[in-house]
Amino acid sequence: MQFSKSTGYALHALIHLARAQRGHNVGIKELSGLLGVSESYLSKIMSKLRQDGILRAVTGASGGYELARDADRITFQEVVQVVEGRQQLFECVNLNGHPGNKECLVKKVMNGAERQMYEYLEHHTIQSVLDSASIDNDSELSKK
């Protein structure tokens, strides 16, 4: 399983917005330049995040994007589901390629793995990543 590049761009954009001063909107041009992706592609991702209430778009000359709520209330799991979709990752099929109607022996394991992954992502927020980076930087500085 692999997450799309869109999910990576979404998470990196949110981290950048969380670092911005409160009340300071970040424009799509700045974000796309920072992430190395086209403005139109990033706009589609940001639109999904805005529609789901993660971002707020500010119009006008000094417009841009800002977080719609505190970074400690935006989980990785939420972002993944907004960008990737909310469908189940595993679908059981029988050996001749038709959806399995009988008990699927693999489904229990795969659903358990998916549940654990989402629980892990639910415990990590945009703020927790920033806090972790700050701790890592502090420990690096103290080694010098």
C-alpha atoms as a PDB file:
ATOM      1  CA  MET A   1       0.000   0.000   0.000  1.00  0.00           C
ATOM      2  CA  GLN A   2       1.229   3.442  -0.830  1.00  0.00           C
ATOM      3  CA  PHE A   3      -0.272   6.830  -0.086  1.00  0.00           C
ATOM      4  CA  SER A   4      -0.576   9.203  -3.018  1.00  0.00           C
ATOM      5  CA  LYS A   5       1.727  12.172  -3.476  1.00  0.00           C
ATOM      6  CA  SER A   6      -1.328  14.344  -2.817  1.00  0.00           C
ATOM      7  CA  THR A   7      -1.400  13.135   0.782  1.00  0.00           C
ATOM      8  CA  GLY A   8       2.252  14.078   1.237  1.00  0.00           C
ATOM      9  CA  TYR A   9       1.681  17.516  -0.241  1.00  0.00           C
ATOM     10  CA  ALA A  10      -1.376  18.028   1.965  1.00  0.00           C
ATOM     11  CA  LEU A  11       0.513  17.114   5.143  1.00  0.00           C
ATOM     12  CA  HIS A  12       3.535  19.260   4.258  1.00  0.00           C
ATOM     13  CA  ALA A  13       1.292  22.216   3.383  1.00  0.00           C
ATOM     14  CA  LEU A  14      -0.524  21.889   6.723  1.00  0.00           C
ATOM     15  CA  ILE A  15       2.776  21.780   8.610  1.00  0.00           C
ATOM     16  CA  HIS A  16       3.906  24.935   6.813  1.00  0.00           C
ATOM     17  CA  LEU A  17       0.604  26.660   7.631  1.00  0.00           C
ATOM     18  CA  ALA A  18       0.920  25.611  11.277  1.00  0.00           C
ATOM     19  CA  ARG A  19       4.359  27.226  11.395  1.00  0.00           C
ATOM     20  CA  ALA A  20       3.016  30.493   9.991  1.00  0.00           C
ATOM     21  CA  GLN A  21       2.112  33.168  12.497  1.00  0.00           C
ATOM     22  CA  ARG A  22      -1.516  33.139  13.532  1.00  0.00           C
ATOM     23  CA  GLY A  23      -3.454  35.477  11.298  1.00  0.00           C
ATOM     24  CA  HIS A  24      -0.802  35.260   8.566  1.00  0.00           C
ATOM     25  CA  ASN A  25      -2.328  33.734   5.458  1.00  0.00           C
ATOM     26  CA  VAL A  26      -0.090  31.782   3.124  1.00  0.00           C
ATOM     27  CA  GLY A  27      -0.817  32.093  -0.582  1.00  0.00           C
ATOM     28  CA  ILE A  28      -1.016  29.196  -3.006  1.00  0.00           C
ATOM     29  CA  LYS A  29       1.967  30.566  -4.939  1.00  0.00           C
ATOM     30  CA  GLU A  30       4.190  30.489  -1.847  1.00  0.00           C
ATOM     31  CA  LEU A  31       3.002  27.012  -0.871  1.00  0.00           C
ATOM     32  CA  SER A  32       3.383  25.557  -4.356  1.00  0.00           C
ATOM     33  CA  GLY A  33       6.883  27.023  -4.643  1.00  0.00           C
ATOM     34  CA  LEU A  34       7.862  25.592  -1.287  1.00  0.00           C
ATOM     35  CA  LEU A  35       6.510  22.139  -2.153  1.00  0.00           C
ATOM     36  CA  GLY A  36       7.691  22.132  -5.750  1.00  0.00           C
ATOM     37  CA  VAL A  37       4.272  21.407  -7.221  1.00  0.00           C
ATOM     38  CA  SER A  38       2.035  23.325  -9.626  1.00  0.00           C
ATOM     39  CA  GLU A  39      -0.435  25.821  -8.222  1.00  0.00           C
ATOM     40  CA  SER A  40      -3.374  24.134  -9.964  1.00  0.00           C
ATOM     41  CA  TYR A  41      -2.515  20.693  -8.552  1.00  0.00           C
ATOM     42  CA  LEU A  42      -2.028  22.042  -5.038  1.00  0.00           C
ATOM     43  CA  SER A  43      -5.240  24.098  -5.306  1.00  0.00           C
ATOM     44  CA  LYS A  44      -7.235  20.901  -5.832  1.00  0.00           C
ATOM     45  CA  ILE A  45      -5.716  19.369  -2.709  1.00  0.00           C
ATOM     46  CA  MET A  46      -6.288  22.531  -0.673  1.00  0.00           C
ATOM     47  CA  SER A  47      -9.885  22.656  -1.864  1.00  0.00           C
ATOM     48  CA  LYS A  48     -10.526  19.182  -0.417  1.00  0.00           C
ATOM     49  CA  LEU A  49      -8.992  20.241   2.904  1.00  0.00           C
ATOM     50  CA  ARG A  50     -11.074  23.417   2.921  1.00  0.00           C
ATOM     51  CA  GLN A  51     -14.309  21.569   2.133  1.00  0.00           C
ATOM     52  CA  ASP A  52     -13.651  19.214   5.029  1.00  0.00           C
ATOM     53  CA  GLY A  53     -13.076  22.065   7.484  1.00  0.00           C
ATOM     54  CA  ILE A  54      -9.331  21.619   7.942  1.00  0.00           C
ATOM     55  CA  LEU A  55      -8.396  24.841   6.146  1.00  0.00           C
ATOM     56  CA  ARG A  56      -9.939  28.251   5.748  1.00  0.00           C
ATOM     57  CA  ALA A  57      -9.479  30.244   2.558  1.00  0.00           C
ATOM     58  CA  VAL A  58      -9.103  33.990   2.978  1.00  0.00           C
ATOM     59  CA  THR A  59      -9.964  36.113  -0.037  1.00  0.00           C
ATOM     60  CA  GLY A  60      -8.572  39.484  -1.017  1.00  0.00           C
ATOM     61  CA  ALA A  61      -5.215  41.009  -1.835  1.00  0.00           C
ATOM     62  CA  SER A  62      -3.523  39.464   1.202  1.00  0.00           C
ATOM     63  CA  GLY A  63      -5.557  36.272   0.982  1.00  0.00           C
ATOM     64  CA  GLY A  64      -4.406  32.723   1.144  1.00  0.00           C
ATOM     65  CA  TYR A  65      -4.917  29.754   3.412  1.00  0.00           C
ATOM     66  CA  GLU A  66      -4.823  29.273   7.150  1.00  0.00           C
ATOM     67  CA  LEU A  67      -5.671  26.407   9.453  1.00  0.00           C
ATOM     68  CA  ALA A  68      -9.357  26.334  10.346  1.00  0.00           C
ATOM     69  CA  ARG A  69      -8.535  24.968  13.803  1.00  0.00           C
ATOM     70  CA  ASP A  70      -5.541  24.402  16.040  1.00  0.00           C
ATOM     71  CA  ALA A  71      -2.798  22.134  14.683  1.00  0.00           C
ATOM     72  CA  ASP A  72      -3.167  19.818  17.681  1.00  0.00           C
ATOM     73  CA  ARG A  73      -6.715  19.036  16.518  1.00  0.00           C
ATOM     74  CA  ILE A  74      -5.762  18.007  12.959  1.00  0.00           C
ATOM     75  CA  THR A  75      -4.761  14.340  12.820  1.00  0.00           C
ATOM     76  CA  PHE A  76      -2.822  12.560  10.126  1.00  0.00           C
ATOM     77  CA  GLN A  77      -5.675  10.062   9.908  1.00  0.00           C
ATOM     78  CA  GLU A  78      -8.157  12.806   9.101  1.00  0.00           C
ATOM     79  CA  VAL A  79      -5.943  14.235   6.356  1.00  0.00           C
ATOM     80  CA  VAL A  80      -5.319  10.793   4.837  1.00  0.00           C
ATOM     81  CA  GLN A  81      -9.035  10.070   4.719  1.00  0.00           C
ATOM     82  CA  VAL A  82      -9.865  13.450   3.177  1.00  0.00           C
ATOM     83  CA  VAL A  83      -7.254  13.103   0.441  1.00  0.00           C
ATOM     84  CA  GLU A  84      -7.292   9.341  -0.170  1.00  0.00           C
ATOM     85  CA  GLY A  85     -10.978   8.753   0.470  1.00  0.00           C
ATOM     86  CA  ARG A  86     -12.801   6.866   3.156  1.00  0.00           C
ATOM     87  CA  GLN A  87     -13.181   3.497   1.478  1.00  0.00           C
ATOM     88  CA  GLN A  88     -11.841   0.305   2.981  1.00  0.00           C
ATOM     89  CA  LEU A  89      -8.342  -0.536   1.760  1.00  0.00           C
ATOM     90  CA  PHE A  90      -8.824  -4.289   1.385  1.00  0.00           C
ATOM     91  CA  GLU A  91     -11.490  -6.121  -0.554  1.00  0.00           C
ATOM     92  CA  CYS A  92     -11.573  -9.888  -0.372  1.00  0.00           C
ATOM     93  CA  VAL A  93     -11.825 -11.789  -3.650  1.00  0.00           C
ATOM     94  CA  ASN A  94     -12.070 -15.493  -4.235  1.00  0.00           C
ATOM     95  CA  LEU A  95      -9.514 -17.351  -6.296  1.00  0.00           C
ATOM     96  CA  ASN A  96     -11.278 -16.907  -9.632  1.00  0.00           C
ATOM     97  CA  GLY A  97     -11.466 -13.127  -9.264  1.00  0.00           C
ATOM     98  CA  HIS A  98     -15.059 -12.593  -8.163  1.00  0.00           C
ATOM     99  CA  PRO A  99     -15.857 -10.812  -4.903  1.00  0.00           C
ATOM    100  CA  GLY A 100     -15.913 -13.398  -2.153  1.00  0.00           C
ATOM    101  CA  ASN A 101     -19.322 -14.152  -0.722  1.00  0.00           C
ATOM    102  CA  LYS A 102     -18.164 -16.778   1.749  1.00  0.00           C
ATOM    103  CA  GLU A 103     -15.911 -16.260   4.743  1.00  0.00           C
ATOM    104  CA  CYS A 104     -12.686 -14.595   3.679  1.00  0.00           C
ATOM    105  CA  LEU A 105      -9.775 -15.913   5.696  1.00  0.00           C
ATOM    106  CA  VAL A 106      -7.524 -12.981   4.813  1.00  0.00           C
ATOM    107  CA  LYS A 107     -10.007 -10.185   5.557  1.00  0.00           C
ATOM    108  CA  LYS A 108      -9.706 -10.344   9.352  1.00  0.00           C
ATOM    109  CA  VAL A 109      -5.931  -9.858   9.248  1.00  0.00           C
ATOM    110  CA  MET A 110      -6.057  -7.110   6.626  1.00  0.00           C
ATOM    111  CA  ASN A 111      -8.846  -5.229   8.399  1.00  0.00           C
ATOM    112  CA  GLY A 112      -6.904  -5.487  11.663  1.00  0.00           C
ATOM    113  CA  ALA A 113      -3.797  -4.041  10.013  1.00  0.00           C
ATOM    114  CA  GLU A 114      -5.839  -1.199   8.535  1.00  0.00           C
ATOM    115  CA  ARG A 115      -7.432  -0.479  11.924  1.00  0.00           C
ATOM    116  CA  GLN A 116      -4.009  -0.335  13.609  1.00  0.00           C
ATOM    117  CA  MET A 117      -2.650   1.985  10.940  1.00  0.00           C
ATOM    118  CA  TYR A 118      -5.579   4.384  11.344  1.00  0.00           C
ATOM    119  CA  GLU A 119      -5.266   4.287  15.141  1.00  0.00           C
ATOM    120  CA  TYR A 120      -1.572   5.163  14.806  1.00  0.00           C
ATOM    121  CA  LEU A 121      -2.334   8.028  12.414  1.00  0.00           C
ATOM    122  CA  GLU A 122      -5.123   9.235  14.726  1.00  0.00           C
ATOM    123  CA  HIS A 123      -2.558   9.699  17.528  1.00  0.00           C
ATOM    124  CA  HIS A 124      -0.323  11.936  15.413  1.00  0.00           C
ATOM    125  CA  THR A 125      -1.310  15.525  14.777  1.00  0.00           C
ATOM    126  CA  ILE A 126       0.226  18.320  12.768  1.00  0.00           C
ATOM    127  CA  GLN A 127       1.306  19.881  16.083  1.00  0.00           C
ATOM    128  CA  SER A 128       2.850  16.658  17.414  1.00  0.00           C
ATOM    129  CA  VAL A 129       5.094  16.495  14.334  1.00  0.00           C
ATOM    130  CA  LEU A 130       6.189  20.102  14.888  1.00  0.00           C
ATOM    131  CA  ASP A 131       6.824  19.397  18.572  1.00  0.00           C
ATOM    132  CA  SER A 132       8.857  16.313  17.692  1.00  0.00           C
ATOM    133  CA  ALA A 133      10.921  18.268  15.164  1.00  0.00           C
ATOM    134  CA  SER A 134      11.586  20.936  17.787  1.00  0.00           C
ATOM    135  CA  ILE A 135      12.771  18.304  20.287  1.00  0.00           C
ATOM    136  CA  ASP A 136      15.008  16.704  17.640  1.00  0.00           C
ATOM    137  CA  ASN A 137      16.526  20.086  16.750  1.00  0.00           C
ATOM    138  CA  ASP A 138      17.105  20.923  20.427  1.00  0.00           C
ATOM    139  CA  SER A 139      18.889  17.613  21.046  1.00  0.00           C
ATOM    140  CA  GLU A 140      21.078  18.127  17.953  1.00  0.00           C
ATOM    141  CA  LEU A 141      22.079  21.593  19.197  1.00  0.00           C
ATOM    142  CA  SER A 142      22.951  20.258  22.664  1.00  0.00           C
ATOM    143  CA  LYS A 143      25.321  17.671  21.120  1.00  0.00           C
ATOM    144  CA  LYS A 144      27.469  20.416  19.555  1.00  0.00           C
END
